N, C-alpha and C. Protein backbone atom coordinates (compact mmCIF):
# COMPACT_ATOMS: atom_id res chain seq x y z
N UNK A 1 -28.76 -13.10 19.12
CA UNK A 1 -28.52 -13.07 17.72
C UNK A 1 -26.83 -13.67 17.66
N UNK A 2 -26.34 -14.07 16.80
CA UNK A 2 -25.29 -15.20 17.24
C UNK A 2 -23.99 -14.03 16.57
N UNK A 3 -23.01 -13.87 17.65
CA UNK A 3 -21.96 -13.06 17.40
C UNK A 3 -20.78 -13.47 16.34
N UNK A 4 -20.52 -12.81 15.21
CA UNK A 4 -19.28 -13.21 14.49
C UNK A 4 -18.03 -13.41 15.07
N UNK A 5 -17.42 -14.24 14.54
CA UNK A 5 -16.18 -14.43 15.04
C UNK A 5 -15.21 -14.08 14.64
N UNK A 6 -13.94 -13.44 15.09
CA UNK A 6 -12.99 -12.88 14.40
C UNK A 6 -11.81 -13.92 14.12
N UNK A 7 -11.29 -13.72 13.10
CA UNK A 7 -9.95 -14.74 12.75
C UNK A 7 -8.98 -14.33 11.94
N UNK A 8 -8.01 -14.85 12.27
CA UNK A 8 -6.84 -14.29 11.18
C UNK A 8 -6.22 -15.70 10.71
N UNK A 9 -5.67 -15.83 9.42
CA UNK A 9 -5.01 -16.36 8.40
C UNK A 9 -3.72 -17.29 9.26
N UNK A 10 -4.00 -18.34 8.77
CA UNK A 10 -2.51 -19.03 9.29
C UNK A 10 -1.33 -19.01 8.44
N UNK A 11 -1.86 -19.05 7.45
CA UNK A 11 -1.31 -18.88 5.95
C UNK A 11 -1.41 -18.69 5.13
N UNK A 12 0.13 -17.80 4.37
CA UNK A 12 -0.50 -17.23 3.30
C UNK A 12 -1.95 -17.85 2.48
N UNK A 13 -2.60 -16.18 1.69
CA UNK A 13 -3.85 -16.78 1.18
C UNK A 13 -3.61 -17.18 0.21
N UNK A 14 -2.83 -17.01 -0.79
CA UNK A 14 -2.14 -17.58 -1.71
C UNK A 14 -1.74 -19.59 -1.95
N UNK A 15 -1.81 -20.18 -0.71
CA UNK A 15 -1.39 -21.36 -0.25
C UNK A 15 -3.20 -21.60 0.60
N UNK A 16 -4.10 -20.99 0.67
CA UNK A 16 -5.28 -21.95 0.90
C UNK A 16 -6.42 -22.00 -0.34
N UNK A 17 -6.34 -23.17 -0.54
CA UNK A 17 -7.42 -23.12 -2.03
C UNK A 17 -8.95 -23.14 -1.37
N UNK A 18 -9.31 -21.90 -0.73
CA UNK A 18 -10.56 -21.83 -0.05
C UNK A 18 -11.16 -20.57 -1.54
N UNK A 19 -11.91 -21.31 -2.58
CA UNK A 19 -12.68 -20.63 -3.29
C UNK A 19 -13.89 -21.43 -4.50
N UNK A 20 -14.78 -20.50 -4.64
CA UNK A 20 -15.95 -21.16 -5.12
C UNK A 20 -15.88 -21.41 -6.45
N UNK A 21 -16.19 -22.79 -7.02
CA UNK A 21 -16.87 -23.02 -8.15
C UNK A 21 -17.93 -23.01 -8.80
N UNK A 22 -18.15 -23.03 -9.98
CA UNK A 22 -19.79 -22.71 -10.84
C UNK A 22 -19.81 -23.81 -11.88
N UNK A 23 -20.72 -24.43 -11.75
CA UNK A 23 -21.37 -25.26 -12.19
C UNK A 23 -21.91 -25.04 -13.42
N UNK A 24 -21.24 -24.74 -14.72
CA UNK A 24 -21.71 -24.19 -15.65
C UNK A 24 -23.02 -23.91 -16.20
N UNK A 25 -23.30 -26.11 -16.15
CA UNK A 25 -24.74 -26.20 -16.79
C UNK A 25 -26.23 -25.78 -15.65
N UNK A 26 -25.48 -24.97 -14.42
CA UNK A 26 -26.38 -24.75 -13.62
C UNK A 26 -26.68 -23.27 -13.41
N UNK A 27 -25.65 -22.64 -14.09
CA UNK A 27 -25.52 -20.86 -13.95
C UNK A 27 -26.47 -20.66 -14.71
N UNK A 28 -27.10 -19.70 -14.78
CA UNK A 28 -28.02 -18.82 -15.52
C UNK A 28 -27.97 -17.09 -16.01
N UNK A 29 -26.37 -17.38 -15.45
CA UNK A 29 -26.05 -15.96 -16.37
C UNK A 29 -26.92 -14.42 -15.24
N UNK A 30 -27.48 -14.87 -14.08
CA UNK A 30 -27.97 -13.44 -13.29
C UNK A 30 -27.46 -12.64 -12.83
N UNK A 31 -25.82 -12.69 -12.35
CA UNK A 31 -25.09 -11.82 -12.25
C UNK A 31 -25.41 -11.35 -10.55
N UNK A 32 -26.25 -12.34 -9.75
CA UNK A 32 -26.57 -11.97 -8.55
C UNK A 32 -24.90 -12.23 -7.97
N UNK A 33 -24.35 -13.33 -8.22
CA UNK A 33 -22.55 -13.45 -7.45
C UNK A 33 -21.75 -12.42 -7.56
N UNK A 34 -21.77 -12.07 -8.95
CA UNK A 34 -20.76 -10.80 -9.77
C UNK A 34 -21.66 -9.60 -8.33
N UNK A 35 -22.75 -8.92 -8.18
CA UNK A 35 -23.21 -7.80 -7.56
C UNK A 35 -23.21 -8.05 -6.12
N UNK A 36 -23.34 -8.88 -5.65
CA UNK A 36 -23.11 -9.56 -4.66
C UNK A 36 -21.79 -9.56 -3.68
N UNK A 37 -20.79 -10.05 -4.30
CA UNK A 37 -19.36 -10.20 -3.76
C UNK A 37 -18.46 -9.10 -3.94
N UNK A 38 -18.04 -8.13 -2.59
CA UNK A 38 -17.33 -7.11 -2.81
C UNK A 38 -16.06 -6.93 -2.75
N UNK A 39 -15.41 -8.35 -3.33
CA UNK A 39 -13.67 -8.71 -3.86
C UNK A 39 -13.76 -9.39 -4.71
N UNK A 40 -14.81 -8.93 -6.25
CA UNK A 40 -14.62 -8.92 -7.33
C UNK A 40 -14.50 -10.21 -7.43
N UNK A 41 -14.09 -11.53 -7.31
CA UNK A 41 -14.17 -12.78 -7.05
C UNK A 41 -14.50 -13.46 -8.72
N UNK A 42 -15.81 -12.48 -9.20
CA UNK A 42 -17.04 -13.02 -10.24
C UNK A 42 -16.55 -11.90 -11.21
N UNK A 43 -17.08 -12.74 -12.50
CA UNK A 43 -16.76 -11.79 -14.01
C UNK A 43 -17.80 -12.98 -14.74
N UNK A 44 -18.31 -12.23 -15.74
CA UNK A 44 -18.77 -13.03 -16.66
C UNK A 44 -17.68 -13.34 -17.94
N UNK A 45 -17.80 -14.37 -18.08
CA UNK A 45 -16.99 -15.33 -19.15
C UNK A 45 -17.21 -14.43 -20.50
N UNK A 46 -16.19 -14.62 -21.31
CA UNK A 46 -16.00 -13.82 -22.26
C UNK A 46 -17.18 -14.34 -23.85
N UNK A 47 -18.04 -13.59 -24.23
CA UNK A 47 -19.40 -14.28 -24.81
C UNK A 47 -18.72 -15.10 -26.40
N UNK A 48 -19.96 -15.52 -26.86
CA UNK A 48 -19.60 -16.82 -27.62
C UNK A 48 -20.15 -15.55 -29.07
N UNK A 49 -19.15 -15.79 -29.80
CA UNK A 49 -19.62 -14.91 -31.19
C UNK A 49 -21.20 -15.85 -31.74
N UNK A 50 -22.35 -14.87 -31.71
CA UNK A 50 -23.83 -15.35 -32.18
C UNK A 50 -24.72 -15.66 -31.00
N UNK A 51 -24.17 -15.90 -29.99
CA UNK A 51 -24.37 -16.12 -28.39
C UNK A 51 -25.26 -14.81 -28.32
N UNK A 52 -26.62 -15.18 -28.22
CA UNK A 52 -27.75 -14.33 -27.92
C UNK A 52 -28.29 -13.99 -26.20
N UNK A 53 -27.59 -14.93 -25.66
CA UNK A 53 -27.77 -14.91 -24.17
C UNK A 53 -26.54 -14.21 -23.44
N UNK A 54 -26.42 -13.59 -22.43
CA UNK A 54 -25.62 -13.54 -21.04
C UNK A 54 -24.64 -14.36 -21.08
N UNK A 55 -23.09 -14.22 -21.23
CA UNK A 55 -22.70 -15.48 -21.42
C UNK A 55 -22.37 -16.14 -19.20
N UNK A 56 -22.14 -17.07 -19.11
CA UNK A 56 -22.02 -17.71 -18.00
C UNK A 56 -20.77 -16.97 -17.22
N UNK A 57 -21.29 -17.02 -15.69
CA UNK A 57 -20.35 -16.29 -14.83
C UNK A 57 -19.43 -16.99 -14.76
N UNK A 58 -17.91 -16.84 -14.19
CA UNK A 58 -16.67 -17.82 -13.35
C UNK A 58 -16.18 -16.77 -12.82
N UNK A 59 -15.12 -18.04 -12.11
CA UNK A 59 -14.38 -17.18 -11.01
C UNK A 59 -12.91 -16.52 -11.63
N UNK A 60 -12.99 -15.25 -11.18
CA UNK A 60 -11.92 -14.43 -11.85
C UNK A 60 -10.30 -14.39 -11.06
N UNK A 61 -11.10 -14.28 -10.26
CA UNK A 61 -10.03 -13.91 -8.70
C UNK A 61 -10.23 -14.89 -7.34
N UNK A 62 -10.07 -15.82 -8.17
CA UNK A 62 -10.09 -16.88 -6.64
C UNK A 62 -9.45 -16.53 -5.26
N UNK A 63 -8.34 -16.17 -5.43
CA UNK A 63 -7.62 -15.79 -4.26
C UNK A 63 -7.71 -14.77 -3.71
N UNK A 64 -9.11 -13.85 -3.97
CA UNK A 64 -9.40 -12.66 -2.97
C UNK A 64 -10.64 -12.64 -2.27
N UNK A 65 -11.45 -14.35 -2.60
CA UNK A 65 -12.22 -14.73 -1.37
C UNK A 65 -12.02 -15.00 -0.45
N UNK A 66 -12.81 -14.38 0.42
CA UNK A 66 -12.82 -14.54 2.07
C UNK A 66 -12.34 -15.80 2.12
N UNK A 67 -11.63 -16.19 3.07
CA UNK A 67 -11.14 -17.27 3.60
C UNK A 67 -12.35 -17.84 4.33
N UNK A 68 -12.79 -19.11 4.26
CA UNK A 68 -14.47 -19.49 5.13
C UNK A 68 -15.71 -18.88 5.04
N UNK A 69 -15.79 -17.77 3.79
CA UNK A 69 -16.94 -17.05 2.93
C UNK A 69 -17.74 -17.86 2.33
N UNK A 70 -18.89 -18.06 2.12
CA UNK A 70 -19.21 -18.55 1.28
C UNK A 70 -20.99 -18.46 1.13
N UNK A 71 -21.01 -17.08 1.38
CA UNK A 71 -22.09 -16.37 1.65
C UNK A 71 -22.88 -16.48 -0.25
N UNK A 72 -21.81 -16.12 -1.10
CA UNK A 72 -22.77 -15.98 -2.25
C UNK A 72 -23.14 -17.15 -2.83
N UNK A 73 -23.03 -18.36 -2.33
CA UNK A 73 -23.65 -19.91 -2.26
C UNK A 73 -24.87 -19.80 -2.52
N UNK A 74 -25.17 -18.85 -1.16
CA UNK A 74 -27.02 -19.12 -1.08
C UNK A 74 -27.60 -17.86 -1.39
N UNK A 75 -26.70 -16.72 -2.32
CA UNK A 75 -27.57 -15.84 -2.77
C UNK A 75 -27.69 -16.32 -4.29
N UNK A 76 -27.01 -17.50 -4.98
CA UNK A 76 -27.23 -18.12 -6.07
C UNK A 76 -28.27 -18.94 -5.71
N UNK A 77 -29.96 -18.60 -7.05
CA UNK A 77 -30.81 -18.92 -7.01
C UNK A 77 -30.67 -20.20 -7.88
N UNK A 78 -29.76 -20.38 -8.83
CA UNK A 78 -29.90 -21.48 -9.22
C UNK A 78 -29.38 -22.83 -8.97
N UNK A 79 -28.56 -22.46 -7.46
CA UNK A 79 -27.39 -23.76 -6.86
C UNK A 79 -26.63 -23.69 -8.07
N UNK A 80 -25.65 -22.90 -8.16
CA UNK A 80 -24.69 -23.48 -9.43
C UNK A 80 -23.14 -22.62 -8.76
N UNK A 81 -23.00 -22.57 -7.27
CA UNK A 81 -22.08 -22.26 -6.60
C UNK A 81 -21.83 -23.29 -5.85
N UNK A 82 -20.91 -23.29 -5.63
CA UNK A 82 -20.19 -24.49 -4.46
C UNK A 82 -19.21 -24.04 -3.97
N UNK A 83 -18.57 -25.07 -2.62
CA UNK A 83 -17.46 -24.71 -2.10
C UNK A 83 -17.18 -26.07 -1.59
N UNK A 84 -15.59 -25.84 -1.29
CA UNK A 84 -15.14 -27.33 -0.51
C UNK A 84 -15.85 -27.49 0.80
N UNK A 85 -15.90 -28.16 1.52
CA UNK A 85 -16.12 -28.41 2.86
C UNK A 85 -15.72 -27.44 3.87
N UNK A 86 -16.03 -27.05 4.95
CA UNK A 86 -15.23 -25.85 5.67
C UNK A 86 -14.59 -26.77 6.60
N UNK A 87 -15.01 -27.65 6.84
CA UNK A 87 -14.19 -28.63 8.08
C UNK A 87 -12.95 -28.73 7.23
N UNK A 88 -12.45 -28.82 6.38
CA UNK A 88 -10.98 -28.97 5.34
C UNK A 88 -10.34 -27.65 5.72
N UNK A 89 -10.84 -26.55 5.90
CA UNK A 89 -9.87 -25.31 6.05
C UNK A 89 -9.80 -24.85 7.43
N UNK A 90 -10.58 -25.32 7.96
CA UNK A 90 -10.25 -24.52 9.81
C UNK A 90 -9.37 -24.45 10.47
N UNK A 91 -8.51 -25.51 9.99
CA UNK A 91 -6.78 -25.57 10.04
C UNK A 91 -6.10 -24.00 10.20
N UNK A 92 -6.69 -23.64 8.55
CA UNK A 92 -6.30 -21.95 8.43
C UNK A 92 -6.52 -20.73 8.96
N UNK A 93 -7.66 -21.03 9.81
CA UNK A 93 -7.49 -19.47 10.79
C UNK A 93 -7.78 -20.08 11.93
N UNK A 94 -6.76 -18.93 12.54
CA UNK A 94 -6.72 -18.84 14.51
C UNK A 94 -8.34 -18.11 14.21
N UNK A 95 -8.89 -18.22 15.09
CA UNK A 95 -9.99 -17.56 15.85
C UNK A 95 -9.62 -16.92 17.38
N UNK A 96 -10.03 -15.64 17.33
CA UNK A 96 -9.99 -14.59 18.56
C UNK A 96 -11.40 -13.45 18.79
N UNK A 97 -11.75 -13.91 20.20
CA UNK A 97 -12.71 -12.64 20.67
C UNK A 97 -11.87 -11.48 21.17
């Protein structure tokens, strides 16, 4: 079993642009991301008048997302969630064992 590495941020969280993006064309409003994320990063968008289906999901608390976590991307069966390349953010995390 792979050992999880511990780390701490080298910069204030609000200075690190690591958070998910949702492709509204792919989002099927299933709520998987909302139910999965313990940091309340996601919420339903405001419903449109006359709309008969659930509104799409949106990122409402981007800086609550844990830097380098992308687990919700795997949870999204529609493939609507994406993150920037992890390599671009390694500089912000100091790992220790």
